[in-house]
Amino acid sequence: MNDRKMLSILEAARFLGIGRSTLYALIKEGRLPVRKLGRRTLIHRDDLGLFVDGLPRNTAQP
């Protein structure tokens, strides 16, 4: 992915490896902040990083 600071919903979902519906659910729950530019919904790359850093770690051994 390029060096843009803002990502579309589709780009953010691809970055996280999740579907758009799941991403919209995270936004609705307030777990992922968004910004609006006209009709576009954008997510700041730093906010994605903070979201990922805040996810619980799976420390269980297989």
N, C-alpha and C. Protein backbone atom coordinates (compact mmCIF):
# COMPACT_ATOMS: atom_id res chain seq x y z
N MET A 1 0.85 -1.18 0.00
CA MET A 1 0.00 0.00 0.00
C MET A 1 0.89 1.24 0.00
N ASN A 2 0.40 2.33 -0.55
CA ASN A 2 1.23 3.53 -0.68
C ASN A 2 1.36 4.28 0.65
N ASP A 3 1.89 5.48 0.60
CA ASP A 3 2.18 6.24 1.82
C ASP A 3 1.08 7.22 2.20
N ARG A 4 -0.11 7.07 1.65
CA ARG A 4 -1.19 7.98 2.01
C ARG A 4 -1.54 7.83 3.48
N LYS A 5 -1.92 8.95 4.09
CA LYS A 5 -2.28 8.91 5.50
C LYS A 5 -3.71 8.47 5.74
N MET A 6 -4.58 8.71 4.77
CA MET A 6 -5.99 8.38 4.91
C MET A 6 -6.35 7.23 3.98
N LEU A 7 -7.14 6.29 4.49
CA LEU A 7 -7.56 5.14 3.70
C LEU A 7 -9.07 5.10 3.60
N SER A 8 -9.56 4.59 2.49
CA SER A 8 -11.00 4.39 2.32
C SER A 8 -11.41 3.18 3.17
N ILE A 9 -12.71 2.97 3.25
CA ILE A 9 -13.22 1.81 3.99
C ILE A 9 -12.67 0.52 3.39
N LEU A 10 -12.73 0.39 2.09
CA LEU A 10 -12.25 -0.83 1.44
C LEU A 10 -10.75 -1.03 1.68
N GLU A 11 -9.97 0.04 1.56
CA GLU A 11 -8.53 -0.07 1.78
C GLU A 11 -8.22 -0.44 3.23
N ALA A 12 -8.94 0.15 4.18
CA ALA A 12 -8.71 -0.16 5.59
C ALA A 12 -9.09 -1.60 5.90
N ALA A 13 -10.19 -2.08 5.32
CA ALA A 13 -10.59 -3.47 5.53
C ALA A 13 -9.54 -4.42 4.98
N ARG A 14 -9.02 -4.12 3.81
CA ARG A 14 -7.96 -4.95 3.22
C ARG A 14 -6.71 -4.92 4.09
N PHE A 15 -6.35 -3.73 4.59
CA PHE A 15 -5.18 -3.58 5.45
C PHE A 15 -5.30 -4.46 6.69
N LEU A 16 -6.51 -4.50 7.28
CA LEU A 16 -6.73 -5.29 8.50
C LEU A 16 -7.01 -6.76 8.21
N GLY A 17 -7.33 -7.07 6.95
CA GLY A 17 -7.64 -8.45 6.60
C GLY A 17 -9.03 -8.86 7.06
N ILE A 18 -9.97 -7.91 7.08
CA ILE A 18 -11.34 -8.19 7.50
C ILE A 18 -12.29 -7.69 6.41
N GLY A 19 -13.55 -8.04 6.53
CA GLY A 19 -14.54 -7.60 5.57
C GLY A 19 -15.06 -6.20 5.90
N ARG A 20 -15.70 -5.59 4.92
CA ARG A 20 -16.25 -4.24 5.11
C ARG A 20 -17.32 -4.23 6.21
N SER A 21 -18.14 -5.26 6.26
CA SER A 21 -19.19 -5.32 7.29
C SER A 21 -18.59 -5.32 8.69
N THR A 22 -17.53 -6.08 8.87
CA THR A 22 -16.86 -6.12 10.17
C THR A 22 -16.25 -4.76 10.49
N LEU A 23 -15.67 -4.11 9.50
CA LEU A 23 -15.09 -2.78 9.71
C LEU A 23 -16.17 -1.77 10.09
N TYR A 24 -17.31 -1.82 9.39
CA TYR A 24 -18.41 -0.92 9.73
C TYR A 24 -18.91 -1.18 11.15
N ALA A 25 -18.92 -2.43 11.58
CA ALA A 25 -19.34 -2.76 12.95
C ALA A 25 -18.38 -2.16 13.96
N LEU A 26 -17.08 -2.24 13.69
CA LEU A 26 -16.08 -1.64 14.59
C LEU A 26 -16.26 -0.13 14.68
N ILE A 27 -16.58 0.49 13.56
CA ILE A 27 -16.80 1.93 13.54
C ILE A 27 -18.05 2.27 14.35
N LYS A 28 -19.12 1.51 14.15
CA LYS A 28 -20.38 1.76 14.86
C LYS A 28 -20.21 1.59 16.36
N GLU A 29 -19.38 0.61 16.78
CA GLU A 29 -19.11 0.37 18.20
C GLU A 29 -18.21 1.45 18.81
N GLY A 30 -17.65 2.30 17.98
CA GLY A 30 -16.76 3.35 18.47
C GLY A 30 -15.33 2.88 18.69
N ARG A 31 -15.01 1.72 18.21
CA ARG A 31 -13.66 1.17 18.40
C ARG A 31 -12.66 1.69 17.39
N LEU A 32 -13.16 2.27 16.30
CA LEU A 32 -12.28 2.78 15.25
C LEU A 32 -12.82 4.13 14.77
N PRO A 33 -12.10 5.21 15.03
CA PRO A 33 -12.59 6.53 14.61
C PRO A 33 -12.46 6.74 13.11
N VAL A 34 -13.38 7.51 12.57
CA VAL A 34 -13.36 7.84 11.15
C VAL A 34 -13.47 9.34 10.98
N ARG A 35 -13.16 9.78 9.78
CA ARG A 35 -13.32 11.18 9.40
C ARG A 35 -14.15 11.22 8.13
N LYS A 36 -14.92 12.26 8.00
CA LYS A 36 -15.76 12.42 6.81
C LYS A 36 -15.22 13.56 5.97
N LEU A 37 -15.17 13.33 4.67
CA LEU A 37 -14.80 14.35 3.70
C LEU A 37 -15.88 14.30 2.63
N GLY A 38 -16.85 15.20 2.76
CA GLY A 38 -18.02 15.11 1.90
C GLY A 38 -18.77 13.84 2.24
N ARG A 39 -18.98 13.01 1.24
CA ARG A 39 -19.66 11.74 1.45
C ARG A 39 -18.70 10.60 1.75
N ARG A 40 -17.42 10.84 1.61
CA ARG A 40 -16.42 9.78 1.83
C ARG A 40 -16.13 9.59 3.31
N THR A 41 -16.00 8.35 3.69
CA THR A 41 -15.59 7.99 5.04
C THR A 41 -14.14 7.53 4.95
N LEU A 42 -13.28 8.18 5.72
CA LEU A 42 -11.85 7.88 5.67
C LEU A 42 -11.34 7.51 7.06
N ILE A 43 -10.32 6.69 7.07
CA ILE A 43 -9.70 6.25 8.32
C ILE A 43 -8.23 6.59 8.26
N HIS A 44 -7.76 7.25 9.31
CA HIS A 44 -6.35 7.65 9.37
C HIS A 44 -5.50 6.42 9.65
N ARG A 45 -4.40 6.32 8.95
CA ARG A 45 -3.49 5.17 9.10
C ARG A 45 -3.01 5.02 10.55
N ASP A 46 -2.77 6.13 11.24
CA ASP A 46 -2.34 6.06 12.64
C ASP A 46 -3.42 5.45 13.52
N ASP A 47 -4.70 5.76 13.23
CA ASP A 47 -5.80 5.17 14.01
C ASP A 47 -5.87 3.67 13.80
N LEU A 48 -5.58 3.20 12.59
CA LEU A 48 -5.54 1.76 12.35
C LEU A 48 -4.43 1.11 13.17
N GLY A 49 -3.27 1.77 13.21
CA GLY A 49 -2.16 1.25 14.00
C GLY A 49 -2.49 1.17 15.48
N LEU A 50 -3.13 2.21 16.00
CA LEU A 50 -3.53 2.21 17.41
C LEU A 50 -4.56 1.12 17.70
N PHE A 51 -5.48 0.93 16.76
CA PHE A 51 -6.47 -0.12 16.92
C PHE A 51 -5.80 -1.49 17.00
N VAL A 52 -4.90 -1.76 16.07
CA VAL A 52 -4.21 -3.05 16.04
C VAL A 52 -3.36 -3.23 17.30
N ASP A 53 -2.67 -2.18 17.74
CA ASP A 53 -1.85 -2.27 18.94
C ASP A 53 -2.68 -2.54 20.18
N GLY A 54 -3.95 -2.13 20.17
CA GLY A 54 -4.83 -2.33 21.32
C GLY A 54 -5.52 -3.68 21.35
N LEU A 55 -5.36 -4.48 20.29
CA LEU A 55 -5.99 -5.80 20.29
C LEU A 55 -5.27 -6.72 21.26
N PRO A 56 -6.03 -7.62 21.91
CA PRO A 56 -5.38 -8.55 22.85
C PRO A 56 -4.44 -9.52 22.12
N ARG A 57 -3.38 -9.86 22.79
CA ARG A 57 -2.43 -10.81 22.21
C ARG A 57 -2.87 -12.23 22.57
N ASN A 58 -2.68 -13.13 21.63
CA ASN A 58 -2.97 -14.53 21.87
C ASN A 58 -1.67 -15.19 22.29
N THR A 59 -1.55 -15.50 23.56
CA THR A 59 -0.31 -16.08 24.06
C THR A 59 -0.41 -17.60 24.26
N ALA A 60 -1.54 -18.18 23.87
CA ALA A 60 -1.72 -19.64 24.02
C ALA A 60 -0.81 -20.36 23.03
N GLN A 61 -0.25 -21.43 23.49
CA GLN A 61 0.62 -22.27 22.66
C GLN A 61 -0.23 -23.32 21.96
N PRO A 62 0.00 -23.57 20.68
CA PRO A 62 -0.78 -24.60 19.96
C PRO A 62 -0.49 -26.00 20.44
